[in-house]
Structure formats: structure tokens, C-alpha cells
Amino acid sequence: MKTPHDPRHKKRQAIIEDLFKIEFLSQPVSKDASQILKHQKEIDEAISIAADEFPIPKINKVDLAILRLAVYELLIVKKEPPRVIIDEAIELAKEYGGETSPPFINGALGNIIAHESTKI
């Protein structure tokens, strides 16, 4: 597990913050957040399938930012094992989200992994 001082964790925190604030203000974002936003339609489709009981506009904005980053890492970047990405997303949810955020993030990402494995 990554510590809060891990540079990868710090980078993810900054990306989450960019993805969160872009929901409210039109402003420049980091290169990493910009890459995620380029794939937002595809990412949001995966989230919609995985958390079908929660339409995208109804998902807490912090949870949505965390999910977008994690789905981007899971489905597009694919550099780290899914379990590592999910664990990191849960840690970010504990840090930034509410009490229901970690189980929601875990369930949605678990559904995405299950959905992807049926495609293979």
C-alpha cells in the first residue's frame, strides 16, 4: 500500500483535485487531468454500467473524480495491476470522500473489473 508521502499518491491527489474543481469552474488543469478528460465519454460510460443505480449527475463529485481517475488507469493506461488501482482509489475515497465513498468506489470498480473480464 502506498503511503501519503508516496509521489504516486501525491500525483493522484492533484489529479483528483483538478477533476473535482473542473466540475464547478472552467479553468486550466494538469496534463494528466486533461488526458482523463479526453477520454471522459468512454470513462463515464464504464462508470454508468458499473454503477447503474446512480446516474453520473447524481454521483458525489469527489467520488466521480476518484472513479474517473481509477477507470482511466484501469481501462486506458493499464500500467498497474487492477488491485493496486482499486486499493489506491479506496484510499483516496477515505481521504476525500464521505463515509459511503470507499464501499461505493470499491463496488463500482469491482463491477468494472468483472465487466471487463467477461469481454475477454
PDB file of N, CA and C in Angstrom:
ATOM      1  N   MET A   1       0.835  -1.169   0.000  1.00  0.00           N
ATOM      2  CA  MET A   1       0.000   0.000   0.000  1.00  0.00           C
ATOM      3  C   MET A   1       0.889   1.244   0.000  1.00  0.00           C
ATOM      4  N   LYS A   2       0.420   2.258  -0.694  1.00  0.00           N
ATOM      5  CA  LYS A   2       1.188   3.489  -0.788  1.00  0.00           C
ATOM      6  C   LYS A   2       0.959   4.348   0.450  1.00  0.00           C
ATOM      7  N   THR A   3       1.984   5.049   0.842  1.00  0.00           N
ATOM      8  CA  THR A   3       1.855   5.957   1.971  1.00  0.00           C
ATOM      9  C   THR A   3       1.438   7.329   1.454  1.00  0.00           C
ATOM     10  N   PRO A   4       0.912   8.188   2.321  1.00  0.00           N
ATOM     11  CA  PRO A   4       0.528   9.531   1.886  1.00  0.00           C
ATOM     12  C   PRO A   4       1.698  10.342   1.326  1.00  0.00           C
ATOM     13  N   HIS A   5       2.928   9.908   1.615  1.00  0.00           N
ATOM     14  CA  HIS A   5       4.101  10.630   1.121  1.00  0.00           C
ATOM     15  C   HIS A   5       4.615  10.058  -0.193  1.00  0.00           C
ATOM     16  N   ASP A   6       4.016   9.000  -0.667  1.00  0.00           N
ATOM     17  CA  ASP A   6       4.399   8.379  -1.929  1.00  0.00           C
ATOM     18  C   ASP A   6       4.127   9.367  -3.068  1.00  0.00           C
ATOM     19  N   PRO A   7       5.100   9.596  -3.952  1.00  0.00           N
ATOM     20  CA  PRO A   7       4.895  10.561  -5.039  1.00  0.00           C
ATOM     21  C   PRO A   7       3.716  10.185  -5.952  1.00  0.00           C
ATOM     22  N   ARG A   8       3.467   8.897  -6.132  1.00  0.00           N
ATOM     23  CA  ARG A   8       2.330   8.485  -6.967  1.00  0.00           C
ATOM     24  C   ARG A   8       1.018   8.871  -6.298  1.00  0.00           C
ATOM     25  N   HIS A   9       0.969   8.749  -4.975  1.00  0.00           N
ATOM     26  CA  HIS A   9      -0.234   9.133  -4.235  1.00  0.00           C
ATOM     27  C   HIS A   9      -0.446  10.644  -4.341  1.00  0.00           C
ATOM     28  N   LYS A  10       0.622  11.409  -4.164  1.00  0.00           N
ATOM     29  CA  LYS A  10       0.542  12.873  -4.264  1.00  0.00           C
ATOM     30  C   LYS A  10       0.071  13.288  -5.661  1.00  0.00           C
ATOM     31  N   LYS A  11       0.577  12.615  -6.682  1.00  0.00           N
ATOM     32  CA  LYS A  11       0.173  12.920  -8.058  1.00  0.00           C
ATOM     33  C   LYS A  11      -1.311  12.637  -8.247  1.00  0.00           C
ATOM     34  N   ARG A  12      -1.772  11.507  -7.719  1.00  0.00           N
ATOM     35  CA  ARG A  12      -3.193  11.172  -7.825  1.00  0.00           C
ATOM     36  C   ARG A  12      -4.052  12.183  -7.074  1.00  0.00           C
ATOM     37  N   GLN A  13      -3.588  12.636  -5.919  1.00  0.00           N
ATOM     38  CA  GLN A  13      -4.331  13.653  -5.164  1.00  0.00           C
ATOM     39  C   GLN A  13      -4.517  14.912  -6.022  1.00  0.00           C
ATOM     40  N   ALA A  14      -3.452  15.349  -6.676  1.00  0.00           N
ATOM     41  CA  ALA A  14      -3.527  16.554  -7.516  1.00  0.00           C
ATOM     42  C   ALA A  14      -4.489  16.344  -8.684  1.00  0.00           C
ATOM     43  N   ILE A  15      -4.477  15.164  -9.271  1.00  0.00           N
ATOM     44  CA  ILE A  15      -5.387  14.874 -10.385  1.00  0.00           C
ATOM     45  C   ILE A  15      -6.833  14.893  -9.897  1.00  0.00           C
ATOM     46  N   ILE A  16      -7.090  14.263  -8.754  1.00  0.00           N
ATOM     47  CA  ILE A  16      -8.442  14.250  -8.178  1.00  0.00           C
ATOM     48  C   ILE A  16      -8.914  15.687  -7.943  1.00  0.00           C
ATOM     49  N   GLU A  17      -8.050  16.512  -7.411  1.00  0.00           N
ATOM     50  CA  GLU A  17      -8.419  17.900  -7.146  1.00  0.00           C
ATOM     51  C   GLU A  17      -8.750  18.634  -8.441  1.00  0.00           C
ATOM     52  N   ASP A  18      -7.966  18.415  -9.500  1.00  0.00           N
ATOM     53  CA  ASP A  18      -8.254  19.028 -10.801  1.00  0.00           C
ATOM     54  C   ASP A  18      -9.587  18.537 -11.354  1.00  0.00           C
ATOM     55  N   LEU A  19      -9.799  17.233 -11.315  1.00  0.00           N
ATOM     56  CA  LEU A  19     -11.043  16.673 -11.849  1.00  0.00           C
ATOM     57  C   LEU A  19     -12.255  17.163 -11.053  1.00  0.00           C
ATOM     58  N   PHE A  20     -12.073  17.364  -9.771  1.00  0.00           N
ATOM     59  CA  PHE A  20     -13.159  17.871  -8.927  1.00  0.00           C
ATOM     60  C   PHE A  20     -13.474  19.321  -9.274  1.00  0.00           C
ATOM     61  N   LYS A  21     -12.454  20.164  -9.316  1.00  0.00           N
ATOM     62  CA  LYS A  21     -12.725  21.592  -9.499  1.00  0.00           C
ATOM     63  C   LYS A  21     -13.221  21.926 -10.901  1.00  0.00           C
ATOM     64  N   ILE A  22     -12.874  21.113 -11.893  1.00  0.00           N
ATOM     65  CA  ILE A  22     -13.343  21.374 -13.257  1.00  0.00           C
ATOM     66  C   ILE A  22     -14.863  21.184 -13.356  1.00  0.00           C
ATOM     67  N   GLU A  23     -15.441  20.448 -12.402  1.00  0.00           N
ATOM     68  CA  GLU A  23     -16.900  20.267 -12.369  1.00  0.00           C
ATOM     69  C   GLU A  23     -17.606  21.596 -12.048  1.00  0.00           C
ATOM     70  N   PHE A  24     -16.912  22.506 -11.398  1.00  0.00           N
ATOM     71  CA  PHE A  24     -17.529  23.750 -10.946  1.00  0.00           C
ATOM     72  C   PHE A  24     -17.024  24.985 -11.680  1.00  0.00           C
ATOM     73  N   LEU A  25     -15.782  24.957 -12.121  1.00  0.00           N
ATOM     74  CA  LEU A  25     -15.176  26.120 -12.759  1.00  0.00           C
ATOM     75  C   LEU A  25     -14.456  25.717 -14.031  1.00  0.00           C
ATOM     76  N   SER A  26     -14.565  26.550 -15.035  1.00  0.00           N
ATOM     77  CA  SER A  26     -13.800  26.316 -16.253  1.00  0.00           C
ATOM     78  C   SER A  26     -12.422  26.934 -16.033  1.00  0.00           C
ATOM     79  N   GLN A  27     -11.422  26.081 -15.942  1.00  0.00           N
ATOM     80  CA  GLN A  27     -10.076  26.560 -15.658  1.00  0.00           C
ATOM     81  C   GLN A  27      -9.059  25.557 -16.190  1.00  0.00           C
ATOM     82  N   PRO A  28      -7.818  25.981 -16.299  1.00  0.00           N
ATOM     83  CA  PRO A  28      -6.788  25.044 -16.771  1.00  0.00           C
ATOM     84  C   PRO A  28      -6.586  23.916 -15.762  1.00  0.00           C
ATOM     85  N   VAL A  29      -6.275  22.743 -16.286  1.00  0.00           N
ATOM     86  CA  VAL A  29      -5.984  21.584 -15.438  1.00  0.00           C
ATOM     87  C   VAL A  29      -4.652  20.995 -15.861  1.00  0.00           C
ATOM     88  N   SER A  30      -4.143  20.101 -15.032  1.00  0.00           N
ATOM     89  CA  SER A  30      -2.865  19.460 -15.320  1.00  0.00           C
ATOM     90  C   SER A  30      -2.956  18.619 -16.596  1.00  0.00           C
ATOM     91  N   LYS A  31      -1.804  18.282 -17.119  1.00  0.00           N
ATOM     92  CA  LYS A  31      -1.724  17.428 -18.311  1.00  0.00           C
ATOM     93  C   LYS A  31      -2.398  16.075 -18.044  1.00  0.00           C
ATOM     94  N   ASP A  32      -2.181  15.528 -16.856  1.00  0.00           N
ATOM     95  CA  ASP A  32      -2.771  14.237 -16.507  1.00  0.00           C
ATOM     96  C   ASP A  32      -4.298  14.318 -16.468  1.00  0.00           C
ATOM     97  N   ALA A  33      -4.825  15.342 -15.828  1.00  0.00           N
ATOM     98  CA  ALA A  33      -6.284  15.507 -15.764  1.00  0.00           C
ATOM     99  C   ALA A  33      -6.841  15.748 -17.163  1.00  0.00           C
ATOM    100  N   SER A  34      -6.115  16.492 -17.967  1.00  0.00           N
ATOM    101  CA  SER A  34      -6.533  16.751 -19.346  1.00  0.00           C
ATOM    102  C   SER A  34      -6.647  15.452 -20.144  1.00  0.00           C
ATOM    103  N   GLN A  35      -5.703  14.536 -19.939  1.00  0.00           N
ATOM    104  CA  GLN A  35      -5.751  13.234 -20.614  1.00  0.00           C
ATOM    105  C   GLN A  35      -6.996  12.453 -20.210  1.00  0.00           C
ATOM    106  N   ILE A  36      -7.332  12.505 -18.949  1.00  0.00           N
ATOM    107  CA  ILE A  36      -8.529  11.817 -18.459  1.00  0.00           C
ATOM    108  C   ILE A  36      -9.766  12.435 -19.091  1.00  0.00           C
ATOM    109  N   LEU A  37      -9.812  13.764 -19.152  1.00  0.00           N
ATOM    110  CA  LEU A  37     -10.967  14.449 -19.719  1.00  0.00           C
ATOM    111  C   LEU A  37     -11.136  14.141 -21.210  1.00  0.00           C
ATOM    112  N   LYS A  38     -10.044  13.876 -21.907  1.00  0.00           N
ATOM    113  CA  LYS A  38     -10.135  13.483 -23.324  1.00  0.00           C
ATOM    114  C   LYS A  38     -10.877  12.163 -23.495  1.00  0.00           C
ATOM    115  N   HIS A  39     -10.830  11.328 -22.480  1.00  0.00           N
ATOM    116  CA  HIS A  39     -11.482  10.011 -22.512  1.00  0.00           C
ATOM    117  C   HIS A  39     -12.753   9.989 -21.659  1.00  0.00           C
ATOM    118  N   GLN A  40     -13.248  11.164 -21.288  1.00  0.00           N
ATOM    119  CA  GLN A  40     -14.359  11.233 -20.322  1.00  0.00           C
ATOM    120  C   GLN A  40     -15.599  10.477 -20.802  1.00  0.00           C
ATOM    121  N   LYS A  41     -15.942  10.562 -22.068  1.00  0.00           N
ATOM    122  CA  LYS A  41     -17.144   9.877 -22.548  1.00  0.00           C
ATOM    123  C   LYS A  41     -17.029   8.365 -22.326  1.00  0.00           C
ATOM    124  N   GLU A  42     -15.914   7.797 -22.724  1.00  0.00           N
ATOM    125  CA  GLU A  42     -15.666   6.360 -22.555  1.00  0.00           C
ATOM    126  C   GLU A  42     -15.628   5.974 -21.067  1.00  0.00           C
ATOM    127  N   ILE A  43     -14.970   6.801 -20.271  1.00  0.00           N
ATOM    128  CA  ILE A  43     -14.857   6.548 -18.833  1.00  0.00           C
ATOM    129  C   ILE A  43     -16.237   6.612 -18.172  1.00  0.00           C
ATOM    130  N   ASP A  44     -16.995   7.654 -18.508  1.00  0.00           N
ATOM    131  CA  ASP A  44     -18.322   7.806 -17.910  1.00  0.00           C
ATOM    132  C   ASP A  44     -19.269   6.683 -18.321  1.00  0.00           C
ATOM    133  N   GLU A  45     -19.125   6.180 -19.534  1.00  0.00           N
ATOM    134  CA  GLU A  45     -19.931   5.028 -19.964  1.00  0.00           C
ATOM    135  C   GLU A  45     -19.630   3.812 -19.091  1.00  0.00           C
ATOM    136  N   ALA A  46     -18.354   3.575 -18.820  1.00  0.00           N
ATOM    137  CA  ALA A  46     -17.963   2.451 -17.959  1.00  0.00           C
ATOM    138  C   ALA A  46     -18.514   2.643 -16.547  1.00  0.00           C
ATOM    139  N   ILE A  47     -18.459   3.864 -16.032  1.00  0.00           N
ATOM    140  CA  ILE A  47     -18.992   4.149 -14.694  1.00  0.00           C
ATOM    141  C   ILE A  47     -20.504   3.933 -14.680  1.00  0.00           C
ATOM    142  N   SER A  48     -21.176   4.380 -15.728  1.00  0.00           N
ATOM    143  CA  SER A  48     -22.640   4.219 -15.809  1.00  0.00           C
ATOM    144  C   SER A  48     -23.049   2.754 -15.793  1.00  0.00           C
ATOM    145  N   ILE A  49     -22.291   1.924 -16.462  1.00  0.00           N
ATOM    146  CA  ILE A  49     -22.577   0.489 -16.476  1.00  0.00           C
ATOM    147  C   ILE A  49     -22.296  -0.114 -15.099  1.00  0.00           C
ATOM    148  N   ALA A  50     -21.195   0.292 -14.495  1.00  0.00           N
ATOM    149  CA  ALA A  50     -20.769  -0.281 -13.215  1.00  0.00           C
ATOM    150  C   ALA A  50     -21.627   0.173 -12.036  1.00  0.00           C
ATOM    151  N   ALA A  51     -22.134   1.393 -12.107  1.00  0.00           N
ATOM    152  CA  ALA A  51     -22.945   1.950 -11.018  1.00  0.00           C
ATOM    153  C   ALA A  51     -24.283   2.397 -11.601  1.00  0.00           C
ATOM    154  N   ASP A  52     -24.977   1.463 -12.234  1.00  0.00           N
ATOM    155  CA  ASP A  52     -26.181   1.814 -12.991  1.00  0.00           C
ATOM    156  C   ASP A  52     -27.313   2.391 -12.140  1.00  0.00           C
ATOM    157  N   GLU A  53     -27.272   2.184 -10.836  1.00  0.00           N
ATOM    158  CA  GLU A  53     -28.305   2.754  -9.969  1.00  0.00           C
ATOM    159  C   GLU A  53     -28.052   4.232  -9.657  1.00  0.00           C
ATOM    160  N   PHE A  54     -26.878   4.736 -10.052  1.00  0.00           N
ATOM    161  CA  PHE A  54     -26.520   6.133  -9.826  1.00  0.00           C
ATOM    162  C   PHE A  54     -26.147   6.800 -11.141  1.00  0.00           C
ATOM    163  N   PRO A  55     -27.038   7.616 -11.714  1.00  0.00           N
ATOM    164  CA  PRO A  55     -26.664   8.345 -12.927  1.00  0.00           C
ATOM    165  C   PRO A  55     -25.476   9.276 -12.629  1.00  0.00           C
ATOM    166  N   ILE A  56     -24.640   9.499 -13.615  1.00  0.00           N
ATOM    167  CA  ILE A  56     -23.429  10.322 -13.446  1.00  0.00           C
ATOM    168  C   ILE A  56     -23.728  11.645 -12.732  1.00  0.00           C
ATOM    169  N   PRO A  57     -24.773  12.393 -13.121  1.00  0.00           N
ATOM    170  CA  PRO A  57     -25.016  13.677 -12.432  1.00  0.00           C
ATOM    171  C   PRO A  57     -25.364  13.532 -10.945  1.00  0.00           C
ATOM    172  N   LYS A  58     -25.776  12.351 -10.526  1.00  0.00           N
ATOM    173  CA  LYS A  58     -26.166  12.133  -9.128  1.00  0.00           C
ATOM    174  C   LYS A  58     -25.013  11.638  -8.252  1.00  0.00           C
ATOM    175  N   ILE A  59     -23.901  11.241  -8.884  1.00  0.00           N
ATOM    176  CA  ILE A  59     -22.752  10.752  -8.117  1.00  0.00           C
ATOM    177  C   ILE A  59     -22.049  11.943  -7.470  1.00  0.00           C
ATOM    178  N   ASN A  60     -21.715  11.802  -6.203  1.00  0.00           N
ATOM    179  CA  ASN A  60     -20.952  12.817  -5.482  1.00  0.00           C
ATOM    180  C   ASN A  60     -19.740  13.205  -6.331  1.00  0.00           C
ATOM    181  N   LYS A  61     -19.480  14.497  -6.473  1.00  0.00           N
ATOM    182  CA  LYS A  61     -18.419  14.984  -7.376  1.00  0.00           C
ATOM    183  C   LYS A  61     -17.027  14.478  -6.989  1.00  0.00           C
ATOM    184  N   VAL A  62     -16.772  14.322  -5.701  1.00  0.00           N
ATOM    185  CA  VAL A  62     -15.475  13.782  -5.273  1.00  0.00           C
ATOM    186  C   VAL A  62     -15.372  12.314  -5.693  1.00  0.00           C
ATOM    187  N   ASP A  63     -16.434  11.555  -5.434  1.00  0.00           N
ATOM    188  CA  ASP A  63     -16.437  10.142  -5.836  1.00  0.00           C
ATOM    189  C   ASP A  63     -16.279  10.009  -7.342  1.00  0.00           C
ATOM    190  N   LEU A  64     -16.941  10.885  -8.085  1.00  0.00           N
ATOM    191  CA  LEU A  64     -16.848  10.842  -9.543  1.00  0.00           C
ATOM    192  C   LEU A  64     -15.417  11.119 -10.014  1.00  0.00           C
ATOM    193  N   ALA A  65     -14.762  12.078  -9.390  1.00  0.00           N
ATOM    194  CA  ALA A  65     -13.371  12.387  -9.756  1.00  0.00           C
ATOM    195  C   ALA A  65     -12.469  11.180  -9.485  1.00  0.00           C
ATOM    196  N   ILE A  66     -12.674  10.539  -8.343  1.00  0.00           N
ATOM    197  CA  ILE A  66     -11.868   9.363  -7.989  1.00  0.00           C
ATOM    198  C   ILE A  66     -12.152   8.223  -8.972  1.00  0.00           C
ATOM    199  N   LEU A  67     -13.423   8.007  -9.275  1.00  0.00           N
ATOM    200  CA  LEU A  67     -13.778   6.948 -10.232  1.00  0.00           C
ATOM    201  C   LEU A  67     -13.198   7.225 -11.608  1.00  0.00           C
ATOM    202  N   ARG A  68     -13.272   8.459 -12.057  1.00  0.00           N
ATOM    203  CA  ARG A  68     -12.732   8.785 -13.393  1.00  0.00           C
ATOM    204  C   ARG A  68     -11.236   8.493 -13.458  1.00  0.00           C
ATOM    205  N   LEU A  69     -10.499   8.875 -12.440  1.00  0.00           N
ATOM    206  CA  LEU A  69      -9.065   8.579 -12.421  1.00  0.00           C
ATOM    207  C   LEU A  69      -8.826   7.074 -12.414  1.00  0.00           C
ATOM    208  N   ALA A  70      -9.518   6.360 -11.545  1.00  0.00           N
ATOM    209  CA  ALA A  70      -9.305   4.916 -11.429  1.00  0.00           C
ATOM    210  C   ALA A  70      -9.703   4.184 -12.710  1.00  0.00           C
ATOM    211  N   VAL A  71     -10.827   4.561 -13.310  1.00  0.00           N
ATOM    212  CA  VAL A  71     -11.261   3.909 -14.549  1.00  0.00           C
ATOM    213  C   VAL A  71     -10.265   4.215 -15.669  1.00  0.00           C
ATOM    214  N   TYR A  72      -9.766   5.419 -15.716  1.00  0.00           N
ATOM    215  CA  TYR A  72      -8.731   5.774 -16.696  1.00  0.00           C
ATOM    216  C   TYR A  72      -7.508   4.873 -16.520  1.00  0.00           C
ATOM    217  N   GLU A  73      -7.075   4.698 -15.281  1.00  0.00           N
ATOM    218  CA  GLU A  73      -5.914   3.839 -15.020  1.00  0.00           C
ATOM    219  C   GLU A  73      -6.208   2.376 -15.329  1.00  0.00           C
ATOM    220  N   LEU A  74      -7.429   1.931 -15.034  1.00  0.00           N
ATOM    221  CA  LEU A  74      -7.796   0.524 -15.257  1.00  0.00           C
ATOM    222  C   LEU A  74      -7.964   0.184 -16.733  1.00  0.00           C
ATOM    223  N   LEU A  75      -8.665   1.042 -17.466  1.00  0.00           N
ATOM    224  CA  LEU A  75      -9.066   0.697 -18.829  1.00  0.00           C
ATOM    225  C   LEU A  75      -8.211   1.297 -19.928  1.00  0.00           C
ATOM    226  N   ILE A  76      -7.534   2.392 -19.637  1.00  0.00           N
ATOM    227  CA  ILE A  76      -6.785   3.068 -20.695  1.00  0.00           C
ATOM    228  C   ILE A  76      -5.282   2.960 -20.486  1.00  0.00           C
ATOM    229  N   VAL A  77      -4.811   3.326 -19.318  1.00  0.00           N
ATOM    230  CA  VAL A  77      -3.363   3.303 -19.059  1.00  0.00           C
ATOM    231  C   VAL A  77      -2.855   1.873 -18.854  1.00  0.00           C
ATOM    232  N   LYS A  78      -3.514   1.129 -17.997  1.00  0.00           N
ATOM    233  CA  LYS A  78      -3.204  -0.281 -17.724  1.00  0.00           C
ATOM    234  C   LYS A  78      -1.749  -0.537 -17.333  1.00  0.00           C
ATOM    235  N   LYS A  79      -1.157   0.367 -16.528  1.00  0.00           N
ATOM    236  CA  LYS A  79       0.240   0.198 -16.110  1.00  0.00           C
ATOM    237  C   LYS A  79       0.382  -0.574 -14.807  1.00  0.00           C
ATOM    238  N   GLU A  80      -0.651  -0.510 -13.956  1.00  0.00           N
ATOM    239  CA  GLU A  80      -0.571  -1.166 -12.654  1.00  0.00           C
ATOM    240  C   GLU A  80      -1.642  -2.246 -12.562  1.00  0.00           C
ATOM    241  N   PRO A  81      -1.429  -3.225 -11.707  1.00  0.00           N
ATOM    242  CA  PRO A  81      -2.448  -4.262 -11.532  1.00  0.00           C
ATOM    243  C   PRO A  81      -3.761  -3.656 -11.025  1.00  0.00           C
ATOM    244  N   PRO A  82      -4.893  -4.200 -11.458  1.00  0.00           N
ATOM    245  CA  PRO A  82      -6.191  -3.668 -11.028  1.00  0.00           C
ATOM    246  C   PRO A  82      -6.320  -3.544  -9.514  1.00  0.00           C
ATOM    247  N   ARG A  83      -5.839  -4.513  -8.762  1.00  0.00           N
ATOM    248  CA  ARG A  83      -5.961  -4.468  -7.305  1.00  0.00           C
ATOM    249  C   ARG A  83      -5.252  -3.237  -6.725  1.00  0.00           C
ATOM    250  N   VAL A  84      -4.105  -2.882  -7.286  1.00  0.00           N
ATOM    251  CA  VAL A  84      -3.356  -1.707  -6.816  1.00  0.00           C
ATOM    252  C   VAL A  84      -4.166  -0.436  -7.095  1.00  0.00           C
ATOM    253  N   ILE A  85      -4.742  -0.345  -8.282  1.00  0.00           N
ATOM    254  CA  ILE A  85      -5.538   0.832  -8.662  1.00  0.00           C
ATOM    255  C   ILE A  85      -6.767   0.951  -7.756  1.00  0.00           C
ATOM    256  N   ILE A  86      -7.436  -0.172  -7.524  1.00  0.00           N
ATOM    257  CA  ILE A  86      -8.627  -0.158  -6.670  1.00  0.00           C
ATOM    258  C   ILE A  86      -8.259   0.219  -5.234  1.00  0.00           C
ATOM    259  N   ASP A  87      -7.190  -0.359  -4.708  1.00  0.00           N
ATOM    260  CA  ASP A  87      -6.753  -0.023  -3.344  1.00  0.00           C
ATOM    261  C   ASP A  87      -6.439   1.463  -3.207  1.00  0.00           C
ATOM    262  N   GLU A  88      -5.764   2.010  -4.203  1.00  0.00           N
ATOM    263  CA  GLU A  88      -5.425   3.432  -4.174  1.00  0.00           C
ATOM    264  C   GLU A  88      -6.687   4.285  -4.253  1.00  0.00           C
ATOM    265  N   ALA A  89      -7.643   3.894  -5.084  1.00  0.00           N
ATOM    266  CA  ALA A  89      -8.902   4.641  -5.194  1.00  0.00           C
ATOM    267  C   ALA A  89      -9.656   4.622  -3.865  1.00  0.00           C
ATOM    268  N   ILE A  90      -9.641   3.487  -3.202  1.00  0.00           N
ATOM    269  CA  ILE A  90     -10.303   3.392  -1.896  1.00  0.00           C
ATOM    270  C   ILE A  90      -9.608   4.298  -0.875  1.00  0.00           C
ATOM    271  N   GLU A  91      -8.283   4.339  -0.905  1.00  0.00           N
ATOM    272  CA  GLU A  91      -7.546   5.232  -0.005  1.00  0.00           C
ATOM    273  C   GLU A  91      -7.902   6.692  -0.278  1.00  0.00           C
ATOM    274  N   LEU A  92      -7.990   7.064  -1.549  1.00  0.00           N
ATOM    275  CA  LEU A  92      -8.371   8.429  -1.906  1.00  0.00           C
ATOM    276  C   LEU A  92      -9.804   8.721  -1.445  1.00  0.00           C
ATOM    277  N   ALA A  93     -10.687   7.738  -1.560  1.00  0.00           N
ATOM    278  CA  ALA A  93     -12.068   7.903  -1.107  1.00  0.00           C
ATOM    279  C   ALA A  93     -12.122   8.108   0.404  1.00  0.00           C
ATOM    280  N   LYS A  94     -11.270   7.410   1.141  1.00  0.00           N
ATOM    281  CA  LYS A  94     -11.214   7.596   2.598  1.00  0.00           C
ATOM    282  C   LYS A  94     -10.731   9.001   2.941  1.00  0.00           C
ATOM    283  N   GLU A  95      -9.795   9.503   2.128  1.00  0.00           N
ATOM    284  CA  GLU A  95      -9.214  10.822   2.363  1.00  0.00           C
ATOM    285  C   GLU A  95     -10.164  11.956   1.999  1.00  0.00           C
ATOM    286  N   TYR A  96     -10.805  11.834   0.839  1.00  0.00           N
ATOM    287  CA  TYR A  96     -11.570  12.939   0.284  1.00  0.00           C
ATOM    288  C   TYR A  96     -13.091  12.766   0.373  1.00  0.00           C
ATOM    289  N   GLY A  97     -13.558  11.548   0.400  1.00  0.00           N
ATOM    290  CA  GLY A  97     -14.996  11.305   0.326  1.00  0.00           C
ATOM    291  C   GLY A  97     -15.660  11.203   1.678  1.00  0.00           C
ATOM    292  N   GLY A  98     -16.925  10.834   1.619  1.00  0.00           N
ATOM    293  CA  GLY A  98     -17.702  10.638   2.833  1.00  0.00           C
ATOM    294  C   GLY A  98     -17.609   9.196   3.299  1.00  0.00           C
ATOM    295  N   GLU A  99     -18.398   8.865   4.281  1.00  0.00           N
ATOM    296  CA  GLU A  99     -18.316   7.526   4.873  1.00  0.00           C
ATOM    297  C   GLU A  99     -18.792   6.438   3.912  1.00  0.00           C
ATOM    298  N   THR A 100     -19.660   6.779   2.959  1.00  0.00           N
ATOM    299  CA  THR A 100     -20.126   5.780   1.995  1.00  0.00           C
ATOM    300  C   THR A 100     -19.235   5.713   0.744  1.00  0.00           C
ATOM    301  N   SER A 101     -18.290   6.620   0.633  1.00  0.00           N
ATOM    302  CA  SER A 101     -17.446   6.670  -0.569  1.00  0.00           C
ATOM    303  C   SER A 101     -16.591   5.419  -0.780  1.00  0.00           C
ATOM    304  N   PRO A 102     -15.832   4.953   0.221  1.00  0.00           N
ATOM    305  CA  PRO A 102     -14.987   3.777  -0.028  1.00  0.00           C
ATOM    306  C   PRO A 102     -15.759   2.543  -0.506  1.00  0.00           C
ATOM    307  N   PRO A 103     -16.884   2.165   0.144  1.00  0.00           N
ATOM    308  CA  PRO A 103     -17.590   0.985  -0.373  1.00  0.00           C
ATOM    309  C   PRO A 103     -18.201   1.218  -1.757  1.00  0.00           C
ATOM    310  N   PHE A 104     -18.654   2.448  -2.033  1.00  0.00           N
ATOM    311  CA  PHE A 104     -19.210   2.752  -3.353  1.00  0.00           C
ATOM    312  C   PHE A 104     -18.131   2.625  -4.424  1.00  0.00           C
ATOM    313  N   ILE A 105     -16.979   3.230  -4.184  1.00  0.00           N
ATOM    314  CA  ILE A 105     -15.853   3.177  -5.129  1.00  0.00           C
ATOM    315  C   ILE A 105     -15.419   1.719  -5.331  1.00  0.00           C
ATOM    316  N   ASN A 106     -15.283   0.980  -4.254  1.00  0.00           N
ATOM    317  CA  ASN A 106     -14.873  -0.420  -4.330  1.00  0.00           C
ATOM    318  C   ASN A 106     -15.873  -1.231  -5.174  1.00  0.00           C
ATOM    319  N   GLY A 107     -17.155  -1.048  -4.917  1.00  0.00           N
ATOM    320  CA  GLY A 107     -18.177  -1.791  -5.651  1.00  0.00           C
ATOM    321  C   GLY A 107     -18.195  -1.444  -7.129  1.00  0.00           C
ATOM    322  N   ALA A 108     -18.136  -0.158  -7.438  1.00  0.00           N
ATOM    323  CA  ALA A 108     -18.162   0.272  -8.840  1.00  0.00           C
ATOM    324  C   ALA A 108     -16.936  -0.249  -9.592  1.00  0.00           C
ATOM    325  N   LEU A 109     -15.770  -0.123  -8.996  1.00  0.00           N
ATOM    326  CA  LEU A 109     -14.555  -0.596  -9.676  1.00  0.00           C
ATOM    327  C   LEU A 109     -14.536  -2.114  -9.786  1.00  0.00           C
ATOM    328  N   GLY A 110     -15.049  -2.800  -8.765  1.00  0.00           N
ATOM    329  CA  GLY A 110     -15.177  -4.259  -8.842  1.00  0.00           C
ATOM    330  C   GLY A 110     -16.076  -4.664  -9.991  1.00  0.00           C
ATOM    331  N   ASN A 111     -17.169  -3.935 -10.193  1.00  0.00           N
ATOM    332  CA  ASN A 111     -18.074  -4.211 -11.313  1.00  0.00           C
ATOM    333  C   ASN A 111     -17.387  -3.962 -12.654  1.00  0.00           C
ATOM    334  N   ILE A 112     -16.565  -2.928 -12.718  1.00  0.00           N
ATOM    335  CA  ILE A 112     -15.840  -2.645 -13.962  1.00  0.00           C
ATOM    336  C   ILE A 112     -14.873  -3.781 -14.282  1.00  0.00           C
ATOM    337  N   ILE A 113     -14.152  -4.255 -13.274  1.00  0.00           N
ATOM    338  CA  ILE A 113     -13.224  -5.374 -13.474  1.00  0.00           C
ATOM    339  C   ILE A 113     -13.998  -6.614 -13.927  1.00  0.00           C
ATOM    340  N   ALA A 114     -15.116  -6.894 -13.279  1.00  0.00           N
ATOM    341  CA  ALA A 114     -15.930  -8.056 -13.651  1.00  0.00           C
ATOM    342  C   ALA A 114     -16.454  -7.913 -15.079  1.00  0.00           C
ATOM    343  N   HIS A 115     -16.905  -6.715 -15.437  1.00  0.00           N
ATOM    344  CA  HIS A 115     -17.415  -6.471 -16.788  1.00  0.00           C
ATOM    345  C   HIS A 115     -16.315  -6.646 -17.827  1.00  0.00           C
ATOM    346  N   GLU A 116     -15.143  -6.125 -17.529  1.00  0.00           N
ATOM    347  CA  GLU A 116     -14.009  -6.249 -18.462  1.00  0.00           C
ATOM    348  C   GLU A 116     -13.572  -7.701 -18.640  1.00  0.00           C
ATOM    349  N   SER A 117     -13.618  -8.471 -17.570  1.00  0.00           N
ATOM    350  CA  SER A 117     -13.180  -9.870 -17.661  1.00  0.00           C
ATOM    351  C   SER A 117     -14.158 -10.702 -18.494  1.00  0.00           C
ATOM    352  N   THR A 118     -15.413 -10.265 -18.596  1.00  0.00           N
ATOM    353  CA  THR A 118     -16.365 -11.007 -19.448  1.00  0.00           C
ATOM    354  C   THR A 118     -16.156 -10.691 -20.920  1.00  0.00           C
ATOM    355  N   LYS A 119     -15.455  -9.605 -21.228  1.00  0.00           N
ATOM    356  CA  LYS A 119     -15.167  -9.246 -22.616  1.00  0.00           C
ATOM    357  C   LYS A 119     -14.054 -10.086 -23.214  1.00  0.00           C
ATOM    358  N   ILE A 120     -13.204 -10.642 -22.345  1.00  0.00           N
ATOM    359  CA  ILE A 120     -12.015 -11.353 -22.817  1.00  0.00           C
ATOM    360  C   ILE A 120     -12.362 -12.725 -23.317  1.00  0.00           C
TER     361      ILE A 120
END
